[in-house]
Amino acid sequence: MMFGLKRVSVAAAISAMVMAGSALAAPPVVNTTPASVGFDAARIRKMDATLAKVVADGRVAGMSTMLVRHGKVVDVQTFGKQSLATGQPMDRDTIVRIYSMTKPITGVAMMILYEEGKWRLEDPVTKFIPEFKNLRVYSGVDDKGNVLTVPMTRPPTMREIMSHTAGFGYGLQDKHPVDKLFRERKVLEAHGLQEMINRIADIPLKFQPGTDWSYSVSVDVQGYIVEKITGQKLGDFMAERIFKPLKMTDTAFYTGKEKAARLAALYVGEKDTGKLVEPTDIFSTPIPNYIDPPAAESGGGGLVSTLGDYGRFCQMLLNKGDLDGARILAPQTIALMGTNVVPQAALVNSNGTAASRFNDAVGFGLDFMVMSDPLKAGSLEGKGTISWGGAAGTWFWVDPTNDVYFVGMIQRLGGSGGDDLGLMARTLTYQALVHPEK
């Protein structure tokens, strides 16, 4: 069922969506008929039913999704609960932890400064972070398990810190000795970005800069560089140059007490039963409450947002840097961010939960995954699609070929505990796009 067929801007649609947020008994706000923008309505319903079943099966407490084409909201849905403890329904303006979906926003902040001539892609990162001048590179371990290193051949470039090819570790896992050091030295628990930089400076790179790809702390490093260049806190710069112009009113590094009731509960599946429980840590790091200001504003994973807010960010990208007259970046800059820069045969984490190999079909640009040849990759999305996801299972993609974006929000660490929802939603979306010429 739909609320009329009047065509209005995506901004107006999302505004109406937020205003209607508490009226969950009402049908979802759909801003156009699926058929008018090339979708089969029955096939859209198939997608909605499949995603709803993920919630009904208890794999996810709540979910919200939004599909937009040609700036028109085709389908927006909410399923399940924001909190199992309170029974509060998942809403269109529920605030969620977007974790690594913070990274593309930090990338946009960086590119705003790039356009202003504050840095160049081939600048060494040491131009802004002299603490990294003496970084060394992991070369193995000795017979006692001690890490061996060699000198760095050159400092990482800014392009490399924006494409995870600089060689930094992260500590999300502990299989690699460098990641073990990140955990031991509590890099992600630093009290402030300067302390984080100081801790990183004592840990070797995984490989010589530019020779491989490894998901890393480099976007947190980018956040520090934004602060270093601007003299502002990262959140203040983002608010001034991205969130306020785009009217992303609920996106920030914390909710504040006035919005705390809208913050969804975070879950993880119990190892043996799969039952949803609230975790105490993520990647062996304590979970902040996201209500109060954090000790360090993480450009790699610290933001909270809503379905509508992130939709506005996606529409800006789809519009090549502009939304409702607010010009954030030039079209050429968006194109640059969506151009693959990664050598082949490296690993990429497609939406925070599953991994696939880089090749000539799938790569990585500046803080986005890039789809260069979808059919060769076995996907139905359009060429040039950019995407990423978050550790709590959130996902998005922006498809310039088909003028489509999709945002999905859940709050379960590690994803849905089953199918990769980001990949599932792609297939379900494009099986419904039966007339892409419209």
Protein backbone atom coordinates (compact mmCIF):
# COMPACT_ATOMS: atom_id res chain seq x y z
CA MET A 1 0.00 0.00 0.00
CA MET A 2 1.26 3.50 -0.83
CA PHE A 3 0.79 7.11 0.23
CA GLY A 4 -0.20 8.55 -3.13
CA LEU A 5 1.87 9.02 -6.26
CA LYS A 6 2.98 12.64 -6.05
CA ARG A 7 6.60 13.11 -7.18
CA VAL A 8 8.65 15.26 -4.87
CA SER A 9 12.35 15.56 -4.11
CA VAL A 10 14.13 12.89 -2.07
CA ALA A 11 14.78 15.57 0.55
CA ALA A 12 11.06 16.18 0.96
CA ALA A 13 10.38 12.45 1.02
CA ILE A 14 12.92 11.77 3.73
CA SER A 15 11.71 14.78 5.71
CA ALA A 16 8.19 13.37 5.57
CA MET A 17 9.56 9.98 6.53
CA VAL A 18 11.20 11.38 9.64
CA MET A 19 8.09 13.39 10.56
CA ALA A 20 6.09 10.19 10.26
CA GLY A 21 8.66 8.22 12.23
CA SER A 22 6.53 7.55 15.29
CA ALA A 23 3.49 6.47 13.27
CA LEU A 24 4.65 2.91 12.73
CA ALA A 25 1.12 1.59 12.42
CA ALA A 26 0.81 3.53 9.15
CA PRO A 27 2.02 2.07 5.84
CA PRO A 28 5.58 2.91 4.83
CA VAL A 29 6.09 6.19 3.02
CA VAL A 30 6.65 5.36 -0.64
CA ASN A 31 7.22 8.40 -2.79
CA THR A 32 6.55 6.92 -6.21
CA THR A 33 5.13 3.81 -7.81
CA PRO A 34 7.78 1.17 -8.42
CA ALA A 35 6.66 0.81 -12.04
CA SER A 36 7.24 4.51 -12.78
CA VAL A 37 10.97 4.06 -12.15
CA GLY A 38 11.36 0.60 -13.66
CA PHE A 39 10.66 -1.72 -10.72
CA ASP A 40 8.18 -4.59 -10.57
CA ALA A 41 5.99 -4.06 -7.50
CA ALA A 42 5.49 -7.78 -6.87
CA ARG A 43 9.24 -8.33 -6.96
CA ILE A 44 9.76 -5.45 -4.54
CA ARG A 45 7.33 -7.21 -2.19
CA LYS A 46 9.45 -10.35 -2.54
CA MET A 47 12.44 -8.36 -1.31
CA ASP A 48 10.50 -6.91 1.62
CA ALA A 49 9.22 -10.35 2.63
CA THR A 50 12.70 -11.87 2.49
CA LEU A 51 14.21 -9.15 4.66
CA ALA A 52 11.25 -9.23 7.06
CA LYS A 53 11.83 -12.97 7.54
CA VAL A 54 15.38 -12.29 8.78
CA VAL A 55 13.78 -10.37 11.65
CA ALA A 56 10.91 -12.83 12.13
CA ASP A 57 13.42 -15.68 12.43
CA GLY A 58 15.12 -13.88 15.33
CA ARG A 59 18.42 -13.34 13.53
CA VAL A 60 18.09 -9.57 13.85
CA ALA A 61 16.06 -7.59 16.40
CA GLY A 62 15.07 -4.81 14.02
CA MET A 63 15.80 -3.55 10.53
CA SER A 64 15.07 -0.49 8.42
CA THR A 65 15.68 -0.24 4.67
CA MET A 66 15.30 2.37 1.95
CA LEU A 67 15.52 2.06 -1.83
CA VAL A 68 15.68 5.21 -3.96
CA ARG A 69 15.86 5.69 -7.74
CA HIS A 70 15.98 8.94 -9.70
CA GLY A 71 15.71 10.82 -6.42
CA LYS A 72 12.37 9.14 -5.65
CA VAL A 73 11.76 6.86 -2.68
CA VAL A 74 10.64 3.54 -4.15
CA ASP A 75 10.45 1.49 -0.96
CA VAL A 76 11.10 2.17 2.71
CA GLN A 77 10.45 -0.40 5.42
CA THR A 78 10.87 -0.96 9.14
CA PHE A 79 10.76 -4.42 10.74
CA GLY A 80 11.00 -5.65 14.31
CA LYS A 81 12.23 -3.93 17.45
CA GLN A 82 14.69 -1.18 18.27
CA SER A 83 15.08 -2.88 21.64
CA LEU A 84 14.02 -6.39 22.62
CA ALA A 85 14.10 -5.38 26.30
CA THR A 86 11.66 -2.48 25.95
CA GLY A 87 9.74 -3.71 22.92
CA GLN A 88 10.20 -0.31 21.28
CA PRO A 89 9.61 -0.74 17.54
CA MET A 90 12.30 -0.09 14.96
CA ASP A 91 11.47 3.29 13.50
CA ARG A 92 12.48 5.34 10.50
CA ASP A 93 14.28 7.78 12.77
CA THR A 94 15.86 5.16 15.05
CA ILE A 95 19.49 6.11 15.64
CA VAL A 96 22.03 3.35 14.95
CA ARG A 97 25.78 2.86 15.25
CA ILE A 98 27.02 2.86 11.68
CA TYR A 99 30.60 1.84 12.57
CA SER A 100 32.61 1.64 9.33
CA MET A 101 29.97 3.45 7.30
CA THR A 102 31.65 6.39 9.05
CA LYS A 103 34.63 5.87 6.75
CA PRO A 104 33.10 7.26 3.53
CA ILE A 105 31.98 10.36 5.46
CA THR A 106 35.53 10.87 6.74
CA GLY A 107 36.71 10.41 3.17
CA VAL A 108 34.38 13.21 2.03
CA ALA A 109 35.74 15.43 4.82
CA MET A 110 39.26 14.74 3.56
CA MET A 111 38.30 15.51 -0.03
CA ILE A 112 36.77 18.85 0.99
CA LEU A 113 40.25 19.80 2.20
CA TYR A 114 41.80 18.27 -0.95
CA GLU A 115 39.67 20.59 -3.08
CA GLU A 116 40.90 23.52 -1.00
CA GLY A 117 44.50 22.62 -1.85
CA LYS A 118 45.37 21.64 1.73
CA TRP A 119 46.93 18.34 0.64
CA ARG A 120 47.73 16.26 -2.45
CA LEU A 121 47.29 12.54 -3.07
CA GLU A 122 51.03 11.94 -3.40
CA ASP A 123 51.96 13.91 -0.27
CA PRO A 124 53.75 11.72 2.27
CA VAL A 125 51.63 11.28 5.37
CA THR A 126 54.64 12.46 7.38
CA LYS A 127 53.96 15.96 6.06
CA PHE A 128 51.07 16.05 8.53
CA ILE A 129 52.17 13.36 11.00
CA PRO A 130 55.91 13.63 11.66
CA GLU A 131 55.48 10.96 14.34
CA PHE A 132 55.38 8.42 11.48
CA LYS A 133 58.84 9.28 10.09
CA ASN A 134 60.48 6.31 11.77
CA LEU A 135 57.88 3.64 11.06
CA ARG A 136 59.29 0.20 10.35
CA VAL A 137 57.82 -2.74 8.41
CA TYR A 138 57.02 -6.24 9.66
CA SER A 139 59.27 -8.92 8.14
CA GLY A 140 58.43 -12.00 10.24
CA VAL A 141 58.99 -13.43 13.70
CA ASP A 142 62.02 -15.09 15.24
CA ASP A 143 62.05 -18.53 16.91
CA LYS A 144 60.86 -16.94 20.16
CA GLY A 145 57.91 -15.24 18.51
CA ASN A 146 59.39 -11.75 18.58
CA VAL A 147 58.38 -9.48 15.70
CA LEU A 148 61.15 -8.73 13.21
CA THR A 149 61.17 -5.52 11.18
CA VAL A 150 62.99 -3.79 8.35
CA PRO A 151 63.21 -0.08 7.52
CA MET A 152 60.35 1.57 5.63
CA THR A 153 61.41 2.25 2.03
CA ARG A 154 59.33 5.45 1.99
CA PRO A 155 56.47 6.92 4.02
CA PRO A 156 52.89 6.07 3.00
CA THR A 157 51.19 8.64 0.78
CA MET A 158 47.84 10.27 1.39
CA ARG A 159 46.38 8.21 -1.46
CA GLU A 160 47.54 5.07 0.33
CA ILE A 161 45.99 5.97 3.68
CA MET A 162 42.70 6.60 1.84
CA SER A 163 42.79 3.21 0.12
CA HIS A 164 44.08 0.91 2.92
CA THR A 165 47.31 0.34 1.00
CA ALA A 166 49.57 2.16 3.48
CA GLY A 167 50.30 -1.00 5.49
CA PHE A 168 48.78 -0.07 8.87
CA GLY A 169 47.20 -2.71 11.07
CA TYR A 170 43.85 -2.39 12.86
CA GLY A 171 43.45 -4.96 15.63
CA LEU A 172 39.93 -6.05 14.70
CA GLN A 173 41.35 -9.57 14.49
CA ASP A 174 44.54 -10.93 16.04
CA LYS A 175 45.78 -13.41 13.42
CA HIS A 176 48.55 -11.13 12.15
CA PRO A 177 51.32 -10.17 14.60
CA VAL A 178 50.86 -6.49 13.74
CA ASP A 179 47.16 -6.67 14.60
CA LYS A 180 48.08 -8.39 17.86
CA LEU A 181 50.26 -5.38 18.67
CA PHE A 182 47.35 -3.04 17.93
CA ARG A 183 45.29 -4.96 20.48
CA GLU A 184 48.05 -5.19 23.07
CA ARG A 185 48.73 -1.46 22.87
CA LYS A 186 44.99 -0.62 22.86
CA VAL A 187 45.20 1.68 19.86
CA LEU A 188 41.41 1.84 19.49
CA GLU A 189 41.01 2.68 23.18
CA ALA A 190 43.23 5.77 23.07
CA HIS A 191 42.03 8.85 24.96
CA GLY A 192 42.18 11.26 22.05
CA LEU A 193 43.47 11.11 18.50
CA GLN A 194 46.96 12.36 19.40
CA GLU A 195 47.39 9.48 21.83
CA MET A 196 46.18 7.12 19.09
CA ILE A 197 48.82 8.48 16.69
CA ASN A 198 51.54 8.07 19.32
CA ARG A 199 50.59 4.43 19.86
CA ILE A 200 50.49 3.67 16.11
CA ALA A 201 53.92 5.23 15.64
CA ASP A 202 55.48 2.45 17.74
CA ILE A 203 53.92 -0.40 15.73
CA PRO A 204 55.36 -1.66 12.42
CA LEU A 205 53.47 -1.59 9.13
CA LYS A 206 52.25 -4.95 7.77
CA PHE A 207 53.95 -4.37 4.40
CA GLN A 208 55.85 -1.73 2.48
CA PRO A 209 53.52 1.15 1.54
CA GLY A 210 51.62 0.68 -1.70
CA THR A 211 52.41 -3.01 -2.19
CA ASP A 212 49.26 -4.66 -0.80
CA TRP A 213 45.81 -3.95 0.72
CA SER A 214 44.79 -4.49 4.34
CA TYR A 215 41.75 -3.07 6.12
CA SER A 216 43.25 -0.72 8.66
CA VAL A 217 43.21 2.13 11.14
CA SER A 218 44.05 4.52 8.31
CA VAL A 219 40.65 6.23 8.31
CA ASP A 220 41.10 7.11 11.97
CA VAL A 221 44.45 8.54 10.86
CA GLN A 222 42.54 10.57 8.27
CA GLY A 223 40.34 11.95 11.03
CA TYR A 224 43.45 13.10 12.87
CA ILE A 225 44.73 14.79 9.70
CA VAL A 226 41.42 16.65 9.31
CA GLU A 227 41.88 17.97 12.84
CA LYS A 228 45.53 18.84 12.21
CA ILE A 229 44.76 20.80 9.03
CA THR A 230 41.64 22.60 10.25
CA GLY A 231 42.33 23.12 13.94
CA GLN A 232 38.79 21.81 14.59
CA LYS A 233 37.54 18.64 16.22
CA LEU A 234 36.58 16.10 13.57
CA GLY A 235 32.92 16.13 14.61
CA ASP A 236 32.76 19.91 14.48
CA PHE A 237 34.25 19.98 10.98
CA MET A 238 31.86 17.27 9.78
CA ALA A 239 28.90 19.10 11.29
CA GLU A 240 29.87 22.40 9.69
CA ARG A 241 30.85 21.16 6.24
CA ILE A 242 28.74 17.99 5.75
CA PHE A 243 25.94 17.38 8.25
CA LYS A 244 24.44 20.86 8.46
CA PRO A 245 24.53 21.57 4.70
CA LEU A 246 22.99 18.15 3.99
CA LYS A 247 20.47 18.47 6.85
CA MET A 248 21.75 15.24 8.45
CA THR A 249 20.30 16.30 11.77
CA ASP A 250 20.87 13.06 13.72
CA THR A 251 24.39 12.16 12.56
CA ALA A 252 27.17 12.75 15.08
CA PHE A 253 29.69 10.98 17.31
CA TYR A 254 27.12 10.73 20.12
CA THR A 255 23.39 11.26 20.58
CA GLY A 256 23.27 13.47 23.66
CA LYS A 257 20.75 12.73 26.37
CA GLU A 258 17.86 14.34 24.46
CA LYS A 259 18.07 11.72 21.69
CA ALA A 260 19.22 8.76 23.77
CA ALA A 261 15.81 7.07 23.73
CA ARG A 262 16.07 6.74 19.95
CA LEU A 263 19.37 4.83 20.06
CA ALA A 264 18.82 1.20 19.11
CA ALA A 265 20.15 -1.57 21.32
CA LEU A 266 23.19 -3.43 20.01
CA TYR A 267 23.19 -7.22 19.80
CA VAL A 268 25.40 -10.19 19.06
CA GLY A 269 24.42 -13.82 18.58
CA GLU A 270 25.42 -16.25 21.33
CA LYS A 271 28.00 -18.67 19.97
CA ASP A 272 26.10 -21.87 20.79
CA THR A 273 22.45 -20.83 20.49
CA GLY A 274 22.47 -17.78 18.22
CA LYS A 275 20.23 -16.04 20.75
CA LEU A 276 20.54 -12.26 20.59
CA VAL A 277 22.27 -10.75 23.61
CA GLU A 278 23.79 -7.32 24.25
CA PRO A 279 27.60 -7.46 23.96
CA THR A 280 30.10 -5.90 26.36
CA ASP A 281 32.84 -5.38 23.79
CA ILE A 282 33.56 -5.22 20.07
CA PHE A 283 36.81 -6.66 18.73
CA SER A 284 37.97 -6.96 22.38
CA THR A 285 37.41 -3.21 22.85
CA PRO A 286 34.86 -1.83 25.38
CA ILE A 287 31.73 -0.42 23.75
CA PRO A 288 31.08 3.26 24.56
CA ASN A 289 27.54 4.31 25.39
CA TYR A 290 27.23 6.63 22.34
CA ILE A 291 25.16 9.00 24.48
CA ASP A 292 28.07 10.99 25.91
CA PRO A 293 31.01 12.48 23.96
CA PRO A 294 33.62 9.77 23.21
CA ALA A 295 37.23 9.87 24.39
CA ALA A 296 38.30 9.99 20.73
CA GLU A 297 36.16 10.78 17.69
CA SER A 298 36.78 7.81 15.43
CA GLY A 299 36.81 8.68 11.76
CA GLY A 300 36.96 4.96 11.06
CA GLY A 301 33.88 3.87 12.98
CA GLY A 302 32.47 6.29 15.54
CA LEU A 303 29.36 7.90 14.06
CA VAL A 304 25.71 7.27 14.76
CA SER A 305 23.09 8.07 12.13
CA THR A 306 19.60 7.28 10.86
CA LEU A 307 18.12 5.77 7.72
CA GLY A 308 17.08 9.18 6.43
CA ASP A 309 20.32 10.94 7.28
CA TYR A 310 22.50 8.38 5.57
CA GLY A 311 20.11 8.45 2.63
CA ARG A 312 20.82 12.15 2.22
CA PHE A 313 24.55 11.43 2.21
CA CYS A 314 24.04 8.76 -0.47
CA GLN A 315 21.90 11.07 -2.60
CA MET A 316 24.63 13.72 -2.45
CA LEU A 317 27.09 11.14 -3.79
CA LEU A 318 24.64 10.06 -6.48
CA ASN A 319 24.15 13.73 -7.44
CA LYS A 320 27.93 14.05 -7.90
CA GLY A 321 28.50 16.16 -4.82
CA ASP A 322 25.35 18.28 -4.49
CA LEU A 323 22.02 17.98 -2.69
CA ASP A 324 19.24 20.57 -2.71
CA GLY A 325 21.68 23.32 -3.62
CA ALA A 326 24.30 22.37 -1.03
CA ARG A 327 27.48 21.66 -2.97
CA ILE A 328 29.80 19.48 -0.87
CA LEU A 329 32.25 18.30 -3.55
CA ALA A 330 32.78 18.74 -7.28
CA PRO A 331 31.64 15.95 -9.64
CA GLN A 332 35.26 15.18 -10.61
CA THR A 333 36.12 14.63 -6.94
CA ILE A 334 33.31 12.10 -6.49
CA ALA A 335 34.58 10.33 -9.62
CA LEU A 336 38.11 10.29 -8.19
CA MET A 337 36.88 8.70 -4.95
CA GLY A 338 35.11 6.00 -6.98
CA THR A 339 38.16 5.02 -9.07
CA ASN A 340 39.96 1.80 -8.16
CA VAL A 341 43.52 2.30 -6.92
CA VAL A 342 44.25 -1.11 -5.38
CA PRO A 343 46.61 -3.77 -6.75
CA GLN A 344 44.95 -7.10 -7.53
CA ALA A 345 44.89 -10.13 -5.23
CA ALA A 346 44.19 -8.33 -1.97
CA LEU A 347 41.27 -8.92 0.40
CA VAL A 348 38.30 -6.60 0.81
CA ASN A 349 35.53 -6.83 3.41
CA SER A 350 32.42 -6.16 1.34
CA ASN A 351 30.00 -4.95 4.02
CA GLY A 352 31.71 -5.47 7.33
CA THR A 353 30.85 -9.17 7.50
CA ALA A 354 32.11 -11.07 4.44
CA ALA A 355 35.29 -11.06 2.36
CA SER A 356 35.96 -11.32 -1.38
CA ARG A 357 39.03 -11.02 -3.58
CA PHE A 358 39.99 -7.86 -5.37
CA ASN A 359 40.46 -8.37 -9.10
CA ASP A 360 39.83 -6.47 -12.31
CA ALA A 361 36.09 -6.54 -11.49
CA VAL A 362 36.09 -5.40 -7.86
CA GLY A 363 38.45 -2.89 -6.29
CA PHE A 364 38.76 -0.04 -3.82
CA GLY A 365 38.98 3.71 -4.34
CA LEU A 366 39.28 6.48 -1.75
CA ASP A 367 37.30 5.15 1.24
CA PHE A 368 34.83 3.17 -0.90
CA MET A 369 34.66 -0.29 -2.44
CA VAL A 370 34.33 0.09 -6.22
CA MET A 371 32.49 -2.23 -8.64
CA SER A 372 34.28 -2.01 -11.99
CA ASP A 373 32.69 -5.00 -13.79
CA PRO A 374 29.57 -6.23 -11.97
CA LEU A 375 28.66 -9.12 -14.27
CA LYS A 376 32.18 -10.50 -14.17
CA ALA A 377 32.02 -10.22 -10.38
CA GLY A 378 28.72 -12.10 -10.33
CA SER A 379 26.62 -9.13 -9.23
CA LEU A 380 23.62 -7.35 -10.76
CA GLU A 381 24.40 -3.76 -9.73
CA GLY A 382 25.62 -1.12 -12.15
CA LYS A 383 29.19 -0.38 -13.16
CA GLY A 384 30.84 2.17 -10.90
CA THR A 385 28.78 1.28 -7.82
CA ILE A 386 30.47 2.40 -4.61
CA SER A 387 29.66 0.83 -1.25
CA TRP A 388 30.68 -0.19 2.23
CA GLY A 389 29.18 -1.48 5.46
CA GLY A 390 29.53 -1.47 9.22
CA ALA A 391 30.46 -3.93 11.95
CA ALA A 392 26.88 -4.00 13.28
CA GLY A 393 25.60 -5.17 9.89
CA THR A 394 24.59 -1.83 8.34
CA TRP A 395 25.15 -1.50 4.60
CA PHE A 396 24.72 0.87 1.67
CA TRP A 397 25.52 1.15 -2.00
CA VAL A 398 25.33 3.99 -4.52
CA ASP A 399 24.86 2.95 -8.15
CA PRO A 400 25.43 5.83 -10.62
CA THR A 401 24.72 3.68 -13.70
CA ASN A 402 21.15 2.92 -12.60
CA ASP A 403 20.73 6.10 -10.47
CA VAL A 404 19.95 3.93 -7.44
CA TYR A 405 20.97 3.91 -3.81
CA PHE A 406 20.04 1.57 -0.99
CA VAL A 407 20.57 1.88 2.77
CA GLY A 408 20.03 -0.93 5.27
CA MET A 409 20.24 -0.54 9.05
CA ILE A 410 20.47 -3.33 11.64
CA GLN A 411 22.32 -3.56 14.97
CA ARG A 412 23.90 -7.00 15.22
CA LEU A 413 27.68 -7.36 15.42
CA GLY A 414 28.99 -9.51 12.61
CA GLY A 415 25.87 -9.07 10.52
CA SER A 416 22.69 -11.13 10.43
CA GLY A 417 24.19 -14.42 11.56
CA GLY A 418 23.35 -15.91 8.18
CA ASP A 419 23.27 -14.51 4.68
CA ASP A 420 25.23 -11.33 3.93
CA LEU A 421 22.33 -8.88 3.93
CA GLY A 422 24.17 -6.33 1.81
CA LEU A 423 24.69 -8.86 -0.97
CA MET A 424 21.22 -10.35 -0.54
CA ALA A 425 19.58 -6.92 -0.80
CA ARG A 426 21.53 -6.18 -3.99
CA THR A 427 20.23 -9.31 -5.70
CA LEU A 428 16.69 -8.67 -4.47
CA THR A 429 16.80 -5.05 -5.62
CA TYR A 430 18.04 -5.71 -9.13
CA GLN A 431 15.81 -8.73 -9.76
CA ALA A 432 13.02 -6.21 -9.28
CA LEU A 433 14.51 -3.61 -11.67
CA VAL A 434 12.94 -5.09 -14.79
CA HIS A 435 12.93 -1.85 -16.82
CA PRO A 436 16.23 -0.08 -16.09
CA GLU A 437 15.69 2.13 -19.13
CA LYS A 438 12.92 4.04 -17.31
